[in-house]
Amino acid sequence: MEKTNDQGSHAPAQPAAAETPAFLINGKRVIRIVTTLFLVAILLVFPIYYQDYYFDIPKVKYQFYYISVIAMFAGVTATALSMMIVDLAHCRGRYTAAFFDRFSLKKIGRTLTAPDVALICFLAVAAMSTVLSDYVFEAFWGNEGRFSGLFLLLLYGVSFLVISRLSDFRNWYLELFLVSSVLVCAFGITDYFNLNLLHFKDHIDPRQYSIFMSFMGNINTYTAYLSLMLGVSGLLFASDRGRARCIWHYFCLVLAFFAMITGQSDNAYLALLALFAALPFYMFKSRTGIRRYAVVLASFFTVVQLVGGIGRAMPGQVLEIQGIFSVLANSKSLAYLPAALWAVAGFLYAQAYLRNKKGEDPGVWPRRVWGIVFAAGVLTLLFVLFDANIAGNGQRYGALRNYVVIDDEWGTHRGYIWRLAIRNYREFTPVQKLIGYGPDTFGILTVKNNYSEMARRYGETFDSAHNEYLQYFVTIGPLGLAAYLGLLISSAVRMVRRGAGNPYVIAALFAMLCYGAQAVVNINLPIVTPVMWTLMMVGLSGCRGKDGHT
């Protein structure tokens, strides 16, 4: 709470910090305990929680999350009401009045941050989309989809506002997340070796063994979770100064590499590309960062070769690796790349030893050069996509043709699903074209309009766009998607501007980045998405109080 500087204001002035009564101090302490328990539950327990193995994972994770949010909100609300009652009884309500005065029209601009405004807009559009939907009940609960209806979005909003504003930022929150992630990875890797240690696969069809892994269920969901681990561990390894933490975060990073490759889902490539593309902008500020980036690349390609070697040495005993990782592991031109990268890393470290670590600042040119490389890479990718799809020259890309030519079969029918989504959107009413068909109603829409076509072509129905952004575009409209992107972008900007001094804040940002990249070809589920939102909240809590916002 802060003193008012408005001379003519009738709002009660806040006493000095030294005069803060005990009930406020104790109340804030209770709220922080409640929020800490919530963060421990979501970042440590939630990822490894299960009941009936793979048969009810989405429902069980969803229930765990909404119970956790409701319990936290109840605890915070009860504590706040108790503080208000004591304030009214002993301080004539001056602290309560000062609190609500911050939300007056005159001061609301200084109270709400850009992410707050984007979140409110996102939830408002989702609420309108629900109310005006032809399927209000289904849009609210998401019971005909993946439990991602308005109710879950409201839970994200409540937890976002509470955690980003009332919790204390602690570095160890992200360490807890990594501990849980190590368990997720370890169990997933044992699935690669067909060990079935926890008997998750005892009662499923053996033909489905390769598509379910770890505590997450489907391999796409599994690697979506790993993208969060990848972002956190990669950034922390890049910034570590202590030897013990450096070893720990390097271990987490290498484990994430191994788990992603053996996870067999191609959405992992987008997360990896995002990490490798973004890290230099952070790491190339120092020569140590440049050296560690060489280590990161060398480690990744070493793991690729290692997994390829294991597959060739143990055929039938491990899951068969397919997709881009198979191409990388079996490429003769890349066989010597790990050795070359380790040689570069060794040279850089030898150079640092001879220099006795003097002159750690390399200047701005490494980041500028990387910026040019990054821009060239983006332009090259755009040209390849144009050449392969518009110009019709897909055959020239050989083994990569299946990845650059986006037709109906692309990405396990994702090309078809995306085309279907756009076709249905074009038939929307003018209002629906603004606010969508209703949260998590994509399956209702496609079954209603396209059931016969889907059944005839593929013998199945599609209840998700398999692209988080296209999913929001169709279900809550371009207004909802714009608000969601505004939330992500404004949160990222805030973390960069206000939390750059703390690598753990930036680690939360990199988790968002890696998740956001793979979301282009994946589903938002209450299995992984709540963890992404929670990491975003934690990152923003580390920025609080650095620009006048409390």
Protein backbone atom coordinates (compact mmCIF):
# COMPACT_ATOMS: atom_id res chain seq x y z
CA MET A 1 0.00 0.00 0.00
CA GLU A 2 1.23 3.48 -0.77
CA LYS A 3 0.56 6.99 0.42
CA THR A 4 -1.67 9.18 -1.70
CA ASN A 5 -0.09 12.31 -3.14
CA ASP A 6 -3.39 13.88 -4.23
CA GLN A 7 -3.83 16.96 -2.07
CA GLY A 8 -7.52 17.32 -2.76
CA SER A 9 -8.41 13.63 -2.51
CA HIS A 10 -10.85 12.46 0.10
CA ALA A 11 -9.42 8.92 0.08
CA PRO A 12 -7.80 8.03 3.37
CA ALA A 13 -4.05 8.25 3.42
CA GLN A 14 -2.09 5.09 3.96
CA PRO A 15 0.05 5.07 7.09
CA ALA A 16 3.79 4.69 6.77
CA ALA A 17 5.24 1.24 6.35
CA ALA A 18 6.55 1.35 9.91
CA GLU A 19 2.99 1.75 11.17
CA THR A 20 1.62 -1.27 9.34
CA PRO A 21 -0.49 -3.15 11.88
CA ALA A 22 0.12 -6.78 12.72
CA PHE A 23 -3.11 -8.05 11.11
CA LEU A 24 -1.94 -6.79 7.70
CA ILE A 25 1.51 -8.33 8.07
CA ASN A 26 0.07 -11.66 9.21
CA GLY A 27 -2.63 -11.60 6.54
CA LYS A 28 -0.10 -11.05 3.78
CA ARG A 29 2.02 -13.84 5.23
CA VAL A 30 -0.95 -16.24 5.10
CA ILE A 31 -1.71 -15.25 1.50
CA ARG A 32 1.90 -15.91 0.52
CA ILE A 33 1.77 -19.32 2.17
CA VAL A 34 -1.43 -20.15 0.27
CA THR A 35 0.04 -19.06 -3.07
CA THR A 36 3.25 -20.97 -2.36
CA LEU A 37 1.30 -24.16 -1.68
CA PHE A 38 -0.54 -23.67 -4.97
CA LEU A 39 2.71 -23.24 -6.90
CA VAL A 40 4.22 -26.32 -5.28
CA ALA A 41 1.10 -28.29 -6.21
CA ILE A 42 1.13 -27.21 -9.88
CA LEU A 43 4.87 -27.14 -10.58
CA LEU A 44 5.89 -30.22 -8.57
CA VAL A 45 2.91 -32.53 -8.00
CA PHE A 46 0.60 -31.84 -10.94
CA PRO A 47 2.94 -33.12 -13.72
CA ILE A 48 3.37 -36.55 -12.10
CA TYR A 49 -0.15 -36.95 -10.68
CA TYR A 50 -2.30 -39.77 -12.05
CA GLN A 51 -5.01 -42.24 -10.97
CA ASP A 52 -6.12 -44.79 -13.57
CA TYR A 53 -2.94 -44.69 -15.65
CA TYR A 54 -3.60 -43.46 -19.22
CA PHE A 55 -7.36 -44.02 -19.18
CA ASP A 56 -8.37 -40.81 -17.41
CA ILE A 57 -5.32 -38.53 -17.57
CA PRO A 58 -7.03 -35.44 -19.12
CA LYS A 59 -9.93 -35.61 -16.66
CA VAL A 60 -7.76 -36.27 -13.61
CA LYS A 61 -5.27 -33.49 -14.41
CA TYR A 62 -8.16 -31.12 -15.09
CA GLN A 63 -9.77 -31.97 -11.75
CA PHE A 64 -6.48 -31.57 -9.91
CA TYR A 65 -5.98 -28.14 -11.44
CA TYR A 66 -9.43 -26.70 -10.85
CA ILE A 67 -9.50 -27.99 -7.26
CA SER A 68 -6.09 -26.38 -6.68
CA VAL A 69 -7.20 -23.03 -8.11
CA ILE A 70 -10.48 -23.04 -6.19
CA ALA A 71 -8.70 -23.95 -2.96
CA MET A 72 -6.15 -21.17 -3.46
CA PHE A 73 -8.83 -18.63 -4.30
CA ALA A 74 -10.88 -19.66 -1.28
CA GLY A 75 -7.85 -19.34 0.99
CA VAL A 76 -6.89 -15.92 -0.37
CA THR A 77 -10.48 -14.66 -0.26
CA ALA A 78 -11.07 -15.86 3.30
CA THR A 79 -7.84 -14.22 4.43
CA ALA A 80 -8.70 -10.96 2.68
CA LEU A 81 -12.18 -10.87 4.21
CA SER A 82 -10.72 -11.49 7.65
CA MET A 83 -8.30 -8.61 7.14
CA MET A 84 -11.16 -6.35 6.04
CA ILE A 85 -13.23 -7.24 9.12
CA VAL A 86 -10.33 -6.50 11.45
CA ASP A 87 -9.62 -3.29 9.56
CA LEU A 88 -13.23 -2.14 9.91
CA ALA A 89 -13.25 -3.00 13.60
CA HIS A 90 -9.92 -1.47 14.61
CA CYS A 91 -8.87 0.99 11.86
CA ARG A 92 -12.25 2.27 10.63
CA GLY A 93 -11.66 0.57 7.27
CA ARG A 94 -8.92 2.96 6.12
CA TYR A 95 -6.70 0.21 4.71
CA THR A 96 -9.64 -1.32 2.85
CA ALA A 97 -10.61 2.08 1.46
CA ALA A 98 -7.02 2.75 0.37
CA PHE A 99 -6.92 -0.60 -1.41
CA PHE A 100 -10.12 -0.06 -3.38
CA ASP A 101 -9.12 3.51 -4.15
CA ARG A 102 -6.34 2.10 -6.33
CA PHE A 103 -9.04 0.73 -8.66
CA SER A 104 -10.80 4.04 -9.17
CA LEU A 105 -11.08 5.38 -12.70
CA LYS A 106 -8.44 7.95 -11.85
CA LYS A 107 -5.82 5.40 -10.75
CA ILE A 108 -6.76 2.24 -12.64
CA GLY A 109 -4.20 3.02 -15.34
CA ARG A 110 -1.41 2.80 -12.78
CA THR A 111 -2.90 -0.28 -11.14
CA LEU A 112 -3.35 -2.57 -14.14
CA THR A 113 -0.43 -3.73 -16.23
CA ALA A 114 -0.50 -4.45 -19.97
CA PRO A 115 -0.75 -8.23 -19.33
CA ASP A 116 -3.65 -7.57 -16.94
CA VAL A 117 -5.53 -5.63 -19.62
CA ALA A 118 -4.84 -8.28 -22.27
CA LEU A 119 -6.05 -11.01 -19.91
CA ILE A 120 -9.27 -9.14 -19.10
CA CYS A 121 -9.93 -8.64 -22.82
CA PHE A 122 -9.24 -12.32 -23.49
CA LEU A 123 -11.66 -13.48 -20.80
CA ALA A 124 -14.29 -10.91 -21.84
CA VAL A 125 -14.25 -12.11 -25.45
CA ALA A 126 -14.34 -15.76 -24.33
CA ALA A 127 -17.33 -14.96 -22.10
CA MET A 128 -19.18 -13.23 -24.94
CA SER A 129 -18.36 -16.12 -27.25
CA THR A 130 -19.81 -18.53 -24.69
CA VAL A 131 -22.99 -16.57 -24.05
CA LEU A 132 -23.69 -16.09 -27.77
CA SER A 133 -22.74 -19.64 -28.73
CA ASP A 134 -25.34 -22.14 -29.91
CA TYR A 135 -23.82 -24.50 -27.35
CA VAL A 136 -23.59 -22.44 -24.15
CA PHE A 137 -23.29 -25.37 -21.75
CA GLU A 138 -20.63 -27.12 -23.81
CA ALA A 139 -18.70 -23.89 -24.41
CA PHE A 140 -18.65 -23.15 -20.68
CA TRP A 141 -17.50 -26.58 -19.48
CA GLY A 142 -15.64 -27.84 -22.56
CA ASN A 143 -17.22 -31.25 -21.90
CA GLU A 144 -17.54 -32.02 -25.61
CA GLY A 145 -13.91 -31.07 -26.25
CA ARG A 146 -10.77 -31.22 -24.13
CA PHE A 147 -12.13 -29.54 -20.95
CA SER A 148 -10.83 -26.19 -22.24
CA GLY A 149 -14.08 -24.26 -22.04
CA LEU A 150 -14.74 -20.89 -20.44
CA PHE A 151 -14.55 -22.40 -16.95
CA LEU A 152 -10.92 -23.44 -17.42
CA LEU A 153 -10.07 -20.08 -19.01
CA LEU A 154 -11.56 -18.32 -15.98
CA LEU A 155 -9.44 -20.50 -13.73
CA TYR A 156 -6.37 -19.40 -15.68
CA GLY A 157 -7.46 -15.80 -15.21
CA VAL A 158 -8.06 -16.10 -11.46
CA SER A 159 -4.76 -17.85 -10.82
CA PHE A 160 -2.97 -15.37 -13.11
CA LEU A 161 -4.17 -12.32 -11.18
CA VAL A 162 -3.53 -13.90 -7.77
CA ILE A 163 -0.07 -15.32 -8.47
CA SER A 164 1.27 -12.44 -10.56
CA ARG A 165 0.20 -9.89 -7.91
CA LEU A 166 0.18 -11.58 -4.52
CA SER A 167 2.84 -14.29 -4.55
CA ASP A 168 6.49 -13.76 -3.72
CA PHE A 169 8.86 -14.70 -6.50
CA ARG A 170 11.30 -17.44 -5.50
CA ASN A 171 13.97 -18.98 -7.72
CA TRP A 172 13.31 -22.38 -6.23
CA TYR A 173 9.84 -22.49 -7.79
CA LEU A 174 11.51 -23.21 -11.12
CA GLU A 175 13.88 -25.69 -9.49
CA LEU A 176 10.84 -27.59 -8.20
CA PHE A 177 9.50 -27.62 -11.73
CA LEU A 178 12.79 -29.10 -12.96
CA VAL A 179 12.73 -31.79 -10.27
CA SER A 180 9.27 -32.87 -11.40
CA SER A 181 10.38 -32.65 -15.04
CA VAL A 182 13.32 -34.96 -14.39
CA LEU A 183 10.86 -37.56 -13.09
CA VAL A 184 8.65 -37.08 -16.16
CA CYS A 185 11.68 -37.47 -18.45
CA ALA A 186 13.08 -40.46 -16.62
CA PHE A 187 9.79 -42.32 -16.81
CA GLY A 188 9.38 -41.38 -20.47
CA ILE A 189 12.86 -42.65 -21.31
CA THR A 190 12.11 -45.98 -19.62
CA ASP A 191 9.07 -46.20 -21.91
CA TYR A 192 11.45 -45.82 -24.86
CA PHE A 193 13.25 -48.92 -23.61
CA ASN A 194 9.88 -50.72 -23.20
CA LEU A 195 10.42 -51.21 -19.46
CA ASN A 196 6.86 -50.27 -18.38
CA LEU A 197 8.09 -49.73 -14.81
CA LEU A 198 4.84 -48.32 -13.41
CA HIS A 199 2.61 -50.63 -15.48
CA PHE A 200 0.92 -47.79 -17.35
CA LYS A 201 0.73 -49.94 -20.48
CA ASP A 202 -0.57 -53.16 -18.98
CA HIS A 203 -4.09 -52.69 -20.32
CA ILE A 204 -3.62 -50.86 -23.61
CA ASP A 205 -3.23 -52.23 -27.12
CA PRO A 206 0.46 -53.07 -27.81
CA ARG A 207 0.06 -51.22 -31.11
CA GLN A 208 -0.44 -48.05 -29.05
CA TYR A 209 2.67 -48.43 -26.88
CA SER A 210 4.62 -45.95 -28.99
CA ILE A 211 2.02 -43.15 -28.80
CA PHE A 212 1.72 -42.97 -25.00
CA MET A 213 4.61 -41.95 -22.78
CA SER A 214 5.40 -40.97 -19.21
CA PHE A 215 2.77 -39.29 -17.01
CA MET A 216 1.40 -37.17 -19.87
CA GLY A 217 -0.38 -39.62 -22.13
CA ASN A 218 -0.11 -38.90 -25.84
CA ILE A 219 3.40 -38.27 -27.16
CA ASN A 220 2.38 -34.83 -28.47
CA THR A 221 1.36 -33.82 -24.95
CA TYR A 222 4.53 -35.34 -23.52
CA THR A 223 6.83 -33.34 -25.79
CA ALA A 224 4.73 -30.21 -25.23
CA TYR A 225 5.58 -30.52 -21.54
CA LEU A 226 9.23 -31.17 -22.38
CA SER A 227 9.29 -27.88 -24.31
CA LEU A 228 8.75 -26.08 -21.00
CA MET A 229 11.59 -28.01 -19.39
CA LEU A 230 13.77 -27.28 -22.39
CA GLY A 231 13.24 -23.52 -22.09
CA VAL A 232 13.88 -23.39 -18.34
CA SER A 233 16.93 -25.66 -18.22
CA GLY A 234 18.48 -24.17 -21.38
CA LEU A 235 18.30 -20.60 -20.14
CA LEU A 236 19.48 -21.42 -16.63
CA PHE A 237 22.45 -23.40 -17.95
CA ALA A 238 23.29 -20.40 -20.12
CA SER A 239 23.39 -18.07 -17.13
CA ASP A 240 24.71 -20.23 -14.27
CA ARG A 241 27.77 -19.03 -12.38
CA GLY A 242 28.00 -21.66 -9.65
CA ARG A 243 29.45 -25.05 -10.64
CA ALA A 244 26.84 -27.16 -8.86
CA ARG A 245 23.89 -25.37 -10.45
CA CYS A 246 25.62 -25.42 -13.83
CA ILE A 247 26.00 -29.21 -13.64
CA TRP A 248 22.41 -29.65 -12.45
CA HIS A 249 20.91 -27.51 -15.22
CA TYR A 250 23.14 -29.09 -17.85
CA PHE A 251 21.94 -32.51 -16.70
CA CYS A 252 18.31 -31.34 -17.01
CA LEU A 253 18.97 -29.94 -20.48
CA VAL A 254 20.63 -33.11 -21.80
CA LEU A 255 17.88 -35.23 -20.25
CA ALA A 256 15.31 -33.04 -21.99
CA PHE A 257 17.14 -33.54 -25.30
CA PHE A 258 17.14 -37.31 -24.83
CA ALA A 259 13.47 -37.37 -23.80
CA MET A 260 12.41 -35.15 -26.71
CA ILE A 261 14.17 -37.31 -29.29
CA THR A 262 12.83 -40.56 -27.87
CA GLY A 263 9.40 -38.94 -27.48
CA GLN A 264 8.97 -39.24 -31.25
CA SER A 265 6.69 -36.25 -31.74
CA ASP A 266 7.62 -33.78 -34.45
CA ASN A 267 6.26 -30.84 -32.47
CA ALA A 268 9.52 -31.08 -30.51
CA TYR A 269 11.46 -29.67 -33.47
CA LEU A 270 9.68 -26.36 -33.27
CA ALA A 271 10.48 -26.03 -29.56
CA LEU A 272 14.12 -26.89 -30.24
CA LEU A 273 14.34 -24.42 -33.11
CA ALA A 274 12.87 -21.71 -30.88
CA LEU A 275 15.43 -22.46 -28.17
CA PHE A 276 18.43 -22.56 -30.53
CA ALA A 277 17.28 -19.39 -32.29
CA ALA A 278 16.55 -17.36 -29.15
CA LEU A 279 19.39 -18.42 -26.85
CA PRO A 280 22.15 -16.46 -28.69
CA PHE A 281 20.33 -13.17 -28.14
CA TYR A 282 20.76 -13.83 -24.42
CA MET A 283 24.00 -15.85 -24.34
CA PHE A 284 26.11 -13.82 -26.74
CA LYS A 285 26.36 -10.99 -24.24
CA SER A 286 29.45 -12.70 -22.84
CA ARG A 287 32.19 -15.00 -24.07
CA THR A 288 31.09 -17.53 -21.47
CA GLY A 289 27.67 -17.55 -23.07
CA ILE A 290 29.18 -18.12 -26.52
CA ARG A 291 31.17 -21.07 -25.20
CA ARG A 292 28.14 -22.58 -23.53
CA TYR A 293 26.06 -22.18 -26.65
CA ALA A 294 28.62 -24.30 -28.50
CA VAL A 295 28.26 -26.87 -25.71
CA VAL A 296 24.45 -26.81 -26.06
CA LEU A 297 24.60 -27.52 -29.81
CA ALA A 298 27.31 -30.17 -29.41
CA SER A 299 25.31 -31.87 -26.67
CA PHE A 300 22.13 -31.97 -28.72
CA PHE A 301 23.70 -33.52 -31.82
CA THR A 302 25.62 -35.95 -29.61
CA VAL A 303 22.35 -37.12 -28.09
CA VAL A 304 20.86 -37.47 -31.58
CA GLN A 305 23.73 -39.72 -32.62
CA LEU A 306 23.56 -41.63 -29.33
CA VAL A 307 19.84 -42.36 -29.72
CA GLY A 308 20.43 -43.39 -33.32
CA GLY A 309 23.19 -45.75 -32.19
CA ILE A 310 20.98 -47.27 -29.49
CA GLY A 311 18.23 -47.87 -32.04
CA ARG A 312 20.61 -49.68 -34.40
CA ALA A 313 22.19 -51.71 -31.59
CA MET A 314 18.92 -52.73 -29.92
CA PRO A 315 16.32 -53.26 -32.66
CA GLY A 316 13.04 -54.55 -31.29
CA GLN A 317 14.07 -53.74 -27.73
CA VAL A 318 13.48 -50.00 -27.99
CA LEU A 319 10.84 -47.93 -29.74
CA GLU A 320 11.60 -47.12 -33.35
CA ILE A 321 12.49 -43.45 -33.82
CA GLN A 322 10.73 -41.83 -36.74
CA GLY A 323 10.36 -38.34 -38.19
CA ILE A 324 13.02 -35.65 -38.42
CA PHE A 325 15.13 -37.14 -35.64
CA SER A 326 15.43 -40.34 -37.66
CA VAL A 327 16.61 -38.26 -40.62
CA LEU A 328 19.19 -36.50 -38.44
CA ALA A 329 20.44 -39.69 -36.79
CA ASN A 330 20.82 -41.54 -40.09
CA SER A 331 22.29 -38.66 -42.09
CA LYS A 332 25.85 -39.42 -43.19
CA SER A 333 26.55 -35.72 -43.69
CA LEU A 334 25.79 -35.05 -40.02
CA ALA A 335 27.69 -38.00 -38.60
CA TYR A 336 30.77 -35.90 -37.84
CA LEU A 337 28.91 -32.78 -36.74
CA PRO A 338 29.01 -33.57 -32.98
CA ALA A 339 32.80 -34.02 -33.08
CA ALA A 340 33.19 -30.74 -34.98
CA LEU A 341 31.01 -28.87 -32.49
CA TRP A 342 32.87 -30.31 -29.49
CA ALA A 343 36.13 -29.25 -31.17
CA VAL A 344 34.79 -25.70 -31.50
CA ALA A 345 33.69 -25.72 -27.85
CA GLY A 346 37.08 -27.06 -26.77
CA PHE A 347 38.88 -24.36 -28.77
CA LEU A 348 36.76 -21.63 -27.17
CA TYR A 349 37.41 -22.94 -23.66
CA ALA A 350 41.15 -23.30 -24.36
CA GLN A 351 41.19 -19.74 -25.63
CA ALA A 352 39.48 -18.57 -22.43
CA TYR A 353 42.01 -20.47 -20.30
CA LEU A 354 44.94 -18.87 -22.11
CA ARG A 355 43.33 -15.45 -21.76
CA ASN A 356 42.72 -16.17 -18.05
CA LYS A 357 39.07 -15.16 -18.50
CA LYS A 358 39.98 -11.59 -19.35
CA GLY A 359 37.82 -9.58 -21.68
CA GLU A 360 34.53 -11.44 -21.12
CA ASP A 361 32.52 -8.77 -22.91
CA PRO A 362 32.58 -9.57 -26.66
CA GLY A 363 30.73 -6.37 -27.58
CA VAL A 364 27.50 -6.18 -29.56
CA TRP A 365 28.76 -7.72 -32.80
CA PRO A 366 28.02 -11.41 -31.94
CA ARG A 367 24.36 -10.59 -31.29
CA ARG A 368 24.19 -8.44 -34.41
CA VAL A 369 25.70 -11.18 -36.52
CA TRP A 370 23.27 -13.68 -35.03
CA GLY A 371 20.42 -11.27 -35.76
CA ILE A 372 21.47 -11.31 -39.42
CA VAL A 373 21.73 -15.11 -39.38
CA PHE A 374 18.31 -15.36 -37.74
CA ALA A 375 16.71 -13.03 -40.28
CA ALA A 376 18.34 -14.95 -43.13
CA GLY A 377 17.03 -18.20 -41.67
CA VAL A 378 13.48 -16.86 -41.46
CA LEU A 379 13.63 -15.57 -45.04
CA THR A 380 15.02 -18.92 -46.22
CA LEU A 381 12.22 -20.79 -44.50
CA LEU A 382 9.60 -18.52 -46.06
CA PHE A 383 11.18 -19.03 -49.49
CA VAL A 384 11.23 -22.83 -49.05
CA LEU A 385 7.56 -22.85 -48.03
CA PHE A 386 6.68 -20.66 -51.00
CA ASP A 387 8.77 -22.72 -53.39
CA ALA A 388 7.41 -26.04 -52.15
CA ASN A 389 3.74 -25.06 -51.90
CA ILE A 390 2.99 -22.13 -54.20
CA ALA A 391 5.59 -22.77 -56.90
CA GLY A 392 5.05 -26.53 -56.72
CA ASN A 393 8.71 -27.52 -56.36
CA GLY A 394 8.37 -29.73 -53.31
CA GLN A 395 10.10 -32.70 -54.93
CA ARG A 396 13.46 -30.92 -54.90
CA TYR A 397 13.66 -31.13 -51.09
CA GLY A 398 14.03 -34.89 -50.96
CA ALA A 399 13.53 -36.41 -47.50
CA LEU A 400 12.29 -33.06 -46.18
CA ARG A 401 9.44 -32.90 -48.68
CA ASN A 402 6.93 -34.31 -46.20
CA TYR A 403 7.75 -31.43 -43.86
CA VAL A 404 7.79 -28.47 -46.24
CA VAL A 405 4.87 -29.40 -48.50
CA ILE A 406 1.72 -28.60 -46.53
CA ASP A 407 -1.04 -30.70 -48.06
CA ASP A 408 -3.96 -32.59 -46.50
CA GLU A 409 -1.66 -35.37 -45.30
CA TRP A 410 0.90 -33.01 -43.73
CA GLY A 411 1.55 -33.49 -40.04
CA THR A 412 -0.73 -36.53 -39.58
CA HIS A 413 -3.64 -34.86 -41.37
CA ARG A 414 -3.03 -31.44 -39.79
CA GLY A 415 -3.06 -29.85 -43.23
CA TYR A 416 -6.55 -31.22 -43.78
CA ILE A 417 -7.75 -30.13 -40.31
CA TRP A 418 -6.45 -26.59 -40.83
CA ARG A 419 -8.14 -26.35 -44.21
CA LEU A 420 -11.36 -27.65 -42.66
CA ALA A 421 -11.14 -25.06 -39.89
CA ILE A 422 -10.77 -22.16 -42.33
CA ARG A 423 -13.60 -23.51 -44.49
CA ASN A 424 -15.96 -23.63 -41.51
CA TYR A 425 -14.88 -20.19 -40.35
CA ARG A 426 -15.83 -18.70 -43.72
CA GLU A 427 -19.39 -19.91 -43.15
CA PHE A 428 -19.72 -18.18 -39.77
CA THR A 429 -22.16 -15.37 -39.11
CA PRO A 430 -20.66 -11.86 -38.85
CA VAL A 431 -20.73 -12.05 -35.05
CA GLN A 432 -19.10 -15.49 -35.03
CA LYS A 433 -16.37 -14.21 -37.33
CA LEU A 434 -15.45 -11.78 -34.54
CA ILE A 435 -15.86 -13.87 -31.36
CA GLY A 436 -15.88 -17.44 -32.62
CA TYR A 437 -18.12 -20.48 -32.28
CA GLY A 438 -17.62 -20.87 -28.52
CA PRO A 439 -14.64 -22.03 -26.41
CA ASP A 440 -13.63 -25.64 -27.07
CA THR A 441 -16.48 -26.29 -29.53
CA PHE A 442 -14.27 -27.18 -32.48
CA GLY A 443 -15.35 -30.83 -32.31
CA ILE A 444 -19.03 -29.88 -32.23
CA LEU A 445 -18.49 -27.68 -35.29
CA THR A 446 -16.67 -30.30 -37.36
CA VAL A 447 -19.06 -33.14 -36.44
CA LYS A 448 -22.03 -30.95 -37.33
CA ASN A 449 -20.65 -29.78 -40.67
CA ASN A 450 -18.06 -32.33 -41.76
CA TYR A 451 -18.79 -35.70 -40.13
CA SER A 452 -19.42 -37.66 -43.33
CA GLU A 453 -16.36 -36.21 -45.03
CA MET A 454 -14.04 -36.95 -42.09
CA ALA A 455 -15.41 -40.48 -41.67
CA ARG A 456 -15.07 -41.22 -45.39
CA ARG A 457 -11.52 -39.89 -45.72
CA TYR A 458 -9.90 -40.92 -42.45
CA GLY A 459 -12.37 -43.00 -40.48
CA GLU A 460 -12.20 -40.59 -37.53
CA THR A 461 -13.40 -37.20 -36.35
CA PHE A 462 -11.26 -34.24 -35.31
CA ASP A 463 -12.22 -32.30 -32.19
CA SER A 464 -9.27 -29.91 -32.22
CA ALA A 465 -7.51 -27.78 -34.81
CA HIS A 466 -4.13 -29.18 -33.70
CA ASN A 467 -2.88 -25.60 -33.72
CA GLU A 468 -3.50 -23.65 -30.53
CA TYR A 469 -3.71 -20.31 -32.33
CA LEU A 470 -6.05 -21.55 -35.06
CA GLN A 471 -8.11 -23.24 -32.34
CA TYR A 472 -8.62 -19.89 -30.59
CA PHE A 473 -9.24 -18.19 -33.95
CA VAL A 474 -12.16 -20.49 -34.70
CA THR A 475 -13.58 -20.90 -31.19
CA ILE A 476 -13.19 -17.40 -29.70
CA GLY A 477 -12.58 -15.49 -32.91
CA PRO A 478 -9.85 -13.14 -34.09
CA LEU A 479 -10.66 -10.80 -31.19
CA GLY A 480 -9.99 -13.56 -28.67
CA LEU A 481 -6.84 -14.68 -30.48
CA ALA A 482 -5.55 -11.09 -30.63
CA ALA A 483 -6.11 -10.71 -26.87
CA TYR A 484 -4.34 -14.02 -26.18
CA LEU A 485 -1.36 -13.04 -28.33
CA GLY A 486 -1.39 -9.64 -26.63
CA LEU A 487 -1.18 -11.40 -23.27
CA LEU A 488 1.79 -13.52 -24.34
CA ILE A 489 3.66 -10.65 -26.03
CA SER A 490 3.04 -8.09 -23.27
CA SER A 491 4.09 -10.63 -20.63
CA ALA A 492 7.28 -11.37 -22.56
CA VAL A 493 8.07 -7.67 -22.97
CA ARG A 494 7.48 -7.04 -19.28
CA MET A 495 9.79 -9.90 -18.29
CA VAL A 496 12.53 -8.62 -20.57
CA ARG A 497 12.23 -5.04 -19.33
CA ARG A 498 11.64 -5.66 -15.64
CA GLY A 499 13.14 -9.07 -14.94
CA ALA A 500 16.26 -9.14 -17.09
CA GLY A 501 18.43 -9.03 -13.97
CA ASN A 502 17.09 -12.37 -12.77
CA PRO A 503 17.78 -15.37 -15.06
CA TYR A 504 14.93 -17.29 -13.44
CA VAL A 505 12.45 -14.71 -14.73
CA ILE A 506 13.93 -15.04 -18.21
CA ALA A 507 13.82 -18.82 -17.84
CA ALA A 508 10.04 -18.56 -17.41
CA LEU A 509 9.97 -16.46 -20.58
CA PHE A 510 11.95 -19.09 -22.51
CA ALA A 511 9.53 -21.77 -21.31
CA MET A 512 6.71 -19.68 -22.81
CA LEU A 513 8.69 -19.25 -26.02
CA CYS A 514 9.38 -22.97 -26.50
CA TYR A 515 5.80 -23.86 -25.63
CA GLY A 516 4.46 -21.20 -28.00
CA ALA A 517 6.56 -22.56 -30.87
CA GLN A 518 5.32 -26.13 -30.56
CA ALA A 519 1.74 -24.89 -30.06
CA VAL A 520 1.66 -24.15 -33.81
CA VAL A 521 1.09 -27.88 -34.38
CA ASN A 522 -0.31 -28.98 -31.04
CA ILE A 523 -3.38 -28.95 -28.79
CA ASN A 524 -3.85 -26.92 -25.63
CA LEU A 525 -4.85 -29.40 -22.95
CA PRO A 526 -5.34 -29.14 -19.16
CA ILE A 527 -2.36 -31.49 -18.89
CA VAL A 528 0.42 -29.10 -19.94
CA THR A 529 -1.18 -25.69 -20.57
CA PRO A 530 -1.83 -25.02 -16.84
CA VAL A 531 1.90 -25.43 -16.21
CA MET A 532 2.73 -22.95 -19.00
CA TRP A 533 0.29 -20.41 -17.56
CA THR A 534 1.72 -20.94 -14.09
CA LEU A 535 5.29 -20.37 -15.27
CA MET A 536 4.11 -17.17 -16.99
CA MET A 537 2.49 -16.02 -13.73
CA VAL A 538 5.64 -16.81 -11.77
CA GLY A 539 7.77 -14.89 -14.25
CA LEU A 540 5.50 -11.85 -13.98
CA SER A 541 5.53 -12.02 -10.19
CA GLY A 542 9.30 -11.51 -10.44
CA CYS A 543 8.67 -8.20 -12.22
CA ARG A 544 6.30 -6.78 -9.65
CA GLY A 545 7.22 -3.55 -7.91
CA LYS A 546 9.91 -2.55 -10.40
CA ASP A 547 7.86 0.01 -12.27
CA GLY A 548 5.44 1.33 -9.74
CA HIS A 549 2.99 -1.57 -9.99
CA THR A 550 2.38 -3.64 -6.88
